Protein backbone atom coordinates (compact mmCIF):
# COMPACT_ATOMS: atom_id res chain seq x y z
CA MET A 1 116.49 39.39 89.52
CA ASP A 2 115.27 37.23 92.41
CA LEU A 3 114.22 38.56 95.80
CA THR A 4 112.65 37.04 98.91
CA ILE A 5 110.31 39.07 101.13
CA ASN A 6 109.81 37.70 104.63
CA ILE A 7 106.30 37.80 106.06
CA GLU A 8 106.47 39.82 109.26
CA ASN A 9 103.22 38.56 110.81
CA SER A 10 102.33 35.01 109.80
CA ALA A 11 98.89 35.39 111.41
CA LYS A 12 98.05 37.98 108.75
CA SER A 13 99.55 36.16 105.79
CA ALA A 14 96.10 35.25 104.46
CA ALA A 15 95.10 38.93 104.55
CA LEU A 16 98.32 39.82 102.74
CA TYR A 17 97.76 37.21 100.02
CA GLY A 18 94.07 38.08 99.62
CA PRO A 19 91.18 35.68 98.96
CA THR A 20 92.53 32.77 96.88
CA ASP A 21 95.80 34.73 96.54
CA ALA A 22 94.03 37.53 94.65
CA ASN A 23 96.42 40.23 95.94
CA LEU A 24 99.47 38.29 94.79
CA ARG A 25 97.93 37.81 91.34
CA LYS A 26 97.25 41.54 91.04
CA ILE A 27 100.85 42.34 91.97
CA ARG A 28 102.08 39.80 89.43
CA GLU A 29 99.89 41.33 86.69
CA ALA A 30 100.74 44.93 87.61
CA PHE A 31 104.51 44.46 87.43
CA ASP A 32 104.94 41.37 85.25
CA VAL A 33 106.84 39.45 87.91
CA LYS A 34 106.68 35.86 89.09
CA VAL A 35 105.27 35.68 92.64
CA THR A 36 105.50 32.55 94.77
CA ALA A 37 104.47 32.25 98.44
CA ARG A 38 105.89 29.45 100.58
CA ASP A 39 107.68 28.81 103.87
CA GLY A 40 106.62 32.13 105.43
CA ALA A 41 108.03 34.21 102.60
CA ILE A 42 107.13 35.61 99.18
CA HIS A 43 109.61 35.06 96.36
CA LEU A 44 109.77 37.53 93.47
CA SER A 45 111.44 37.00 90.10
CA GLY A 46 111.64 39.32 87.11
CA SER A 47 113.41 42.44 85.87
CA SER A 48 115.20 44.42 88.56
CA ASP A 49 112.87 47.43 88.26
CA ALA A 50 109.72 45.28 88.33
CA VAL A 51 110.93 43.29 91.34
CA ARG A 52 111.85 46.49 93.16
CA ARG A 53 108.37 47.94 92.62
CA ALA A 54 106.61 44.72 93.61
CA ALA A 55 108.72 44.58 96.77
CA GLU A 56 107.70 48.16 97.59
CA VAL A 57 104.06 47.13 97.31
CA LEU A 58 104.49 44.10 99.58
CA ASP A 59 106.39 46.14 102.16
CA ALA A 60 103.71 48.84 102.12
CA LEU A 61 100.93 46.27 102.47
CA GLN A 62 102.65 44.69 105.45
CA GLN A 63 102.94 48.12 107.04
CA ARG A 64 99.24 48.66 106.40
CA LEU A 65 98.39 45.34 108.06
CA LYS A 66 99.97 46.56 111.27
CA ALA A 67 97.02 48.93 111.62
CA VAL A 68 94.20 46.85 110.09
CA ASN A 69 93.22 43.18 109.88
CA GLU A 70 92.15 43.14 106.23
CA LEU A 71 93.28 44.88 103.07
CA SER A 72 90.69 46.55 100.87
CA ASP A 73 90.80 46.68 97.09
CA GLU A 74 91.41 50.42 97.45
CA ASP A 75 94.44 49.77 99.68
CA LEU A 76 95.93 47.56 96.99
CA ARG A 77 95.13 49.95 94.11
CA THR A 78 96.64 52.91 95.96
CA VAL A 79 99.87 51.13 96.89
CA ILE A 80 100.32 49.72 93.38
CA ALA A 81 99.72 53.16 91.86
CA LEU A 82 102.35 54.71 94.12
CA ALA A 83 104.92 52.06 93.29
CA ASP A 84 104.06 52.17 89.59
CA ARG A 85 104.66 55.90 89.20
CA PRO A 86 107.32 56.78 86.61
CA VAL A 87 110.91 57.13 87.75
CA GLY A 88 111.46 60.69 88.91
CA VAL A 89 107.83 61.38 89.91
CA PRO A 90 108.14 62.93 93.38
CA ILE A 91 105.70 61.74 96.01
CA GLN A 92 104.16 65.23 96.22
CA ASN A 93 102.99 64.76 92.63
CA VAL A 94 100.80 61.85 93.71
CA LEU A 95 97.34 63.39 93.79
CA GLU A 96 95.00 62.64 96.68
CA VAL A 97 91.41 63.19 95.62
CA PHE A 98 88.18 62.82 97.58
CA ALA A 99 86.95 59.47 96.28
CA ASN A 100 87.49 57.02 99.15
CA GLY A 101 91.02 58.29 99.74
CA ALA A 102 91.97 57.35 96.17
CA ARG A 103 95.24 58.58 94.74
CA ILE A 104 95.95 59.45 91.11
CA VAL A 105 99.47 59.01 89.82
CA PRO A 106 100.99 60.30 86.56
CA ARG A 107 101.55 57.22 84.44
CA THR A 108 104.08 58.53 81.90
CA GLU A 109 107.05 60.87 82.00
CA GLY A 110 105.06 63.44 80.04
CA GLN A 111 102.18 63.29 82.51
CA ALA A 112 104.63 63.64 85.40
CA ARG A 113 106.12 66.73 83.76
CA TYR A 114 102.60 68.11 83.24
CA VAL A 115 101.60 67.73 86.90
CA ASP A 116 104.92 69.20 88.05
CA THR A 117 104.43 72.21 85.77
CA ILE A 118 100.90 72.83 87.07
CA LEU A 119 102.15 72.76 90.66
CA LYS A 120 105.00 75.18 89.90
CA CYS A 121 103.26 77.66 87.58
CA ASP A 122 100.18 79.84 87.98
CA LEU A 123 99.34 79.44 84.28
CA THR A 124 99.92 76.21 82.36
CA PHE A 125 99.13 75.37 78.74
CA CYS A 126 98.95 71.70 77.82
CA LEU A 127 98.46 70.47 74.25
CA GLY A 128 98.25 66.87 73.12
CA PRO A 129 96.09 64.21 71.50
CA ALA A 130 93.04 62.53 72.96
CA GLY A 131 93.63 60.13 75.83
CA THR A 132 96.76 61.74 77.30
CA GLY A 133 95.04 62.81 80.52
CA LYS A 134 95.14 66.56 79.90
CA THR A 135 91.77 67.31 81.47
CA TYR A 136 91.73 64.40 83.90
CA LEU A 137 95.03 65.33 85.55
CA ALA A 138 94.11 69.02 85.64
CA VAL A 139 90.89 68.20 87.50
CA ALA A 140 92.83 65.85 89.80
CA VAL A 141 95.31 68.61 90.71
CA ALA A 142 92.45 71.04 91.35
CA THR A 143 90.60 68.50 93.50
CA THR A 144 93.76 67.73 95.49
CA MET A 145 94.36 71.43 96.14
CA LEU A 146 90.74 71.86 97.24
CA LYS A 147 91.04 68.88 99.59
CA ARG A 148 94.24 70.36 101.07
CA LYS A 149 92.48 73.75 101.43
CA ALA A 150 95.13 75.39 99.22
CA ILE A 151 92.29 76.97 97.20
CA ALA A 152 88.67 77.88 97.87
CA ARG A 153 87.05 77.06 94.52
CA ILE A 154 87.32 75.06 91.32
CA VAL A 155 85.99 76.54 88.09
CA LEU A 156 85.73 74.19 85.09
CA VAL A 157 85.20 75.93 81.76
CA ARG A 158 84.53 74.75 78.22
CA PRO A 159 83.66 76.55 74.97
CA ALA A 160 80.21 75.59 73.68
CA VAL A 161 81.32 74.57 70.17
CA GLU A 162 79.75 71.62 68.38
CA ALA A 163 82.05 68.86 67.13
CA GLY A 164 80.96 68.84 63.50
CA GLU A 165 77.26 68.44 64.27
CA LYS A 166 74.52 71.04 64.55
CA LEU A 167 72.46 70.32 67.63
CA GLY A 168 69.75 72.87 66.91
CA TYR A 169 67.57 74.41 69.58
CA LEU A 170 67.98 72.22 72.63
CA PRO A 171 65.05 72.12 75.08
CA GLY A 172 65.19 73.25 78.71
CA ASP A 173 66.74 76.11 80.67
CA ILE A 174 70.24 77.49 80.11
CA GLN A 175 71.85 74.77 82.28
CA ALA A 176 70.12 72.03 80.31
CA LYS A 177 71.26 73.61 77.04
CA VAL A 178 74.95 73.77 77.99
CA ASN A 179 75.19 70.49 79.92
CA PRO A 180 75.98 68.39 76.80
CA TYR A 181 79.06 70.54 76.19
CA LEU A 182 80.19 70.27 79.81
CA ARG A 183 79.59 66.53 80.24
CA PRO A 184 83.29 65.51 79.91
CA LEU A 185 84.15 67.83 82.80
CA PHE A 186 81.41 66.31 84.95
CA ASP A 187 82.71 62.84 84.10
CA ALA A 188 86.24 63.71 85.27
CA LEU A 189 84.89 65.39 88.39
CA HIS A 190 82.79 62.39 89.38
CA ASP A 191 85.89 60.19 89.20
CA MET A 192 87.46 62.37 91.89
CA MET A 193 84.55 62.39 94.34
CA GLY A 194 81.15 60.88 94.91
CA PHE A 195 78.14 62.18 93.02
CA ASP A 196 76.46 63.52 96.18
CA GLN A 197 79.62 65.30 97.31
CA ALA A 198 80.12 66.88 93.89
CA LYS A 199 76.48 67.99 93.84
CA ARG A 200 76.79 69.52 97.31
CA LEU A 201 79.99 71.39 96.40
CA MET A 202 78.36 72.73 93.23
CA GLU A 203 75.26 73.81 95.13
CA ASN A 204 77.53 75.72 97.55
CA ASP A 205 79.37 77.34 94.61
CA ILE A 206 82.67 75.71 95.61
CA ILE A 207 82.78 73.92 92.27
CA GLU A 208 81.44 75.63 89.18
CA VAL A 209 81.13 74.07 85.72
CA ILE A 210 80.29 76.70 83.13
CA PRO A 211 80.57 77.55 79.42
CA LEU A 212 83.31 79.97 78.43
CA ALA A 213 80.88 82.75 77.52
CA PHE A 214 79.88 83.04 81.19
CA MET A 215 83.41 84.06 82.24
CA ARG A 216 83.24 87.60 80.91
CA GLY A 217 83.60 90.32 83.55
CA ARG A 218 84.72 88.03 86.36
CA THR A 219 87.87 87.96 88.48
CA LEU A 220 88.56 84.65 90.20
CA ASN A 221 90.69 84.61 93.37
CA GLN A 222 91.91 81.57 95.35
CA SER A 223 90.72 79.25 92.60
CA VAL A 224 91.90 76.68 90.09
CA ILE A 225 90.35 77.57 86.74
CA ILE A 226 90.53 74.92 84.01
CA LEU A 227 89.71 75.67 80.38
CA ASP A 228 89.12 72.44 78.48
CA GLU A 229 88.98 72.04 74.67
CA ALA A 230 90.80 75.34 74.30
CA GLN A 231 91.55 74.65 70.63
CA ASN A 232 87.93 75.73 70.04
CA THR A 233 88.42 79.23 71.45
CA THR A 234 88.96 82.30 69.33
CA VAL A 235 91.81 84.72 69.99
CA SER A 236 89.47 87.23 71.66
CA GLN A 237 87.88 84.53 73.82
CA MET A 238 91.29 83.36 74.99
CA LEU A 239 92.31 86.90 75.91
CA MET A 240 89.08 87.31 77.86
CA PHE A 241 89.65 84.03 79.70
CA LEU A 242 93.30 84.60 80.60
CA THR A 243 92.57 88.02 82.07
CA ARG A 244 90.16 86.47 84.61
CA LEU A 245 93.14 85.19 86.66
CA GLY A 246 92.97 86.56 90.21
CA THR A 247 95.12 86.53 93.34
CA GLY A 248 96.15 83.12 94.65
CA SER A 249 94.75 81.30 91.62
CA LYS A 250 96.01 78.86 89.01
CA MET A 251 94.85 78.52 85.42
CA ILE A 252 95.20 75.36 83.35
CA VAL A 253 94.44 75.52 79.63
CA THR A 254 94.16 72.23 77.76
CA GLY A 255 93.53 71.39 74.13
CA ASP A 256 94.14 69.09 71.22
CA ASP A 257 95.41 71.23 68.37
CA SER A 258 94.82 68.38 65.90
CA GLN A 259 91.06 68.62 66.51
CA THR A 260 89.44 72.02 66.05
CA ASP A 261 85.76 72.74 65.46
CA LEU A 262 86.18 76.43 64.65
CA SER A 263 84.92 77.81 61.37
CA PRO A 264 87.41 77.65 58.48
CA GLY A 265 89.81 80.57 58.62
CA GLN A 266 89.41 81.22 62.36
CA ARG A 267 92.68 81.08 64.31
CA SER A 268 92.63 78.96 67.44
CA GLY A 269 92.99 81.05 70.57
CA VAL A 270 95.16 78.51 72.35
CA LEU A 271 97.69 78.30 69.50
CA ASP A 272 97.83 82.08 69.36
CA ALA A 273 98.37 82.28 73.14
CA VAL A 274 101.05 79.59 73.17
CA ASN A 275 102.99 81.51 70.52
CA ARG A 276 102.53 84.94 72.13
CA LEU A 277 103.50 83.72 75.62
CA ALA A 278 106.26 81.29 74.64
CA ASN A 279 109.00 83.36 76.29
CA GLU A 280 107.22 84.13 79.56
CA PRO A 281 109.26 82.34 82.27
CA LEU A 282 106.37 82.18 84.76
CA ILE A 283 104.04 80.41 82.31
CA GLY A 284 104.31 76.67 81.84
CA GLN A 285 103.84 74.95 78.49
CA VAL A 286 103.66 71.15 78.13
CA ARG A 287 103.30 69.12 74.96
CA LEU A 288 102.03 65.55 75.41
CA GLY A 289 102.40 62.98 72.67
CA ARG A 290 101.09 59.62 71.54
CA GLU A 291 103.40 57.92 74.05
CA ASP A 292 101.38 59.58 76.84
CA ILE A 293 98.02 58.10 75.79
CA VAL A 294 96.65 56.06 78.69
CA ARG A 295 93.15 55.18 77.50
CA HIS A 296 92.31 51.88 75.81
CA PRO A 297 95.41 50.64 73.93
CA LEU A 298 93.55 51.06 70.64
CA VAL A 299 93.36 54.84 71.14
CA GLN A 300 97.11 55.14 70.65
CA ARG A 301 96.85 53.20 67.38
CA ILE A 302 93.91 55.31 66.22
CA VAL A 303 95.79 58.55 66.89
CA GLN A 304 98.80 57.12 65.07
CA ALA A 305 96.64 56.23 62.05
CA TYR A 306 95.11 59.70 61.86
CA HIS A 307 98.23 61.67 62.76
CA GLY A 308 99.13 64.16 60.09
CA GLN A 309 95.91 63.71 58.14
CA SER A 310 93.60 66.62 57.59
CA GLY A 311 89.99 66.68 58.61
CA SER A 312 90.44 64.80 61.91
CA SER A 313 87.81 65.39 64.57
């Protein structure tokens, strides 16, 4: 398919193209289209879907240039992400987090279904292999809801179970001892907002990152509560966690059932819960697969190589 996009304001064509045509190169790489600029127009060539998406980006950038004189890298990333969302991903499922107005977009059909389920259900279970965005998208939804003032708090929870290694008696206070277990949650959180902002929200108890054992006896209202690595919970721990759900809150439970660090013979709490609650219409369950892995391309191959083998970690 070939398409020609006319440049609406020739005085801003350099801003549209970017320094040494950097913006056009990024559009070409993002959508695998041929991009040529000449005679006051940009010519696109490629598959019909790719050309359509690239045209959406160029139209959006020209609209942006009506309000500003230069396009930032963030402007380009945001517009490309919106155009590159999977077919059928509604615009409301594009997540607006705190980090410089950045937007996070589901990148596969499975991820789109996951985000949609979280938004529709007060309790969502998501199982799938490493790299499918289970935790990352859950934190992004929570951060978006906090930004929109739809909730008052975010609570990020993880069981303190060692992944095949005994760490011994760690030094420091209780926070220092549990921080290694909670580090992946901090990493996701810091992608959504600046370090100083995250620190301030945690100091004000608006964001809480805690080990699962600290949830006992609490009721959490107007919150998004995310339990990560839920395959490492016991049945009794899962029951304790699920019964913390309060008014106006959402719970998201994520896990990789191919990787459990429980003692031999212990049943995983998340698998037990998924089976027990399978027929509850108000509870969402999403299964992500290898096709939803969006980390380094090698991760998908690694998961494929280990799939079905025992002793994976």
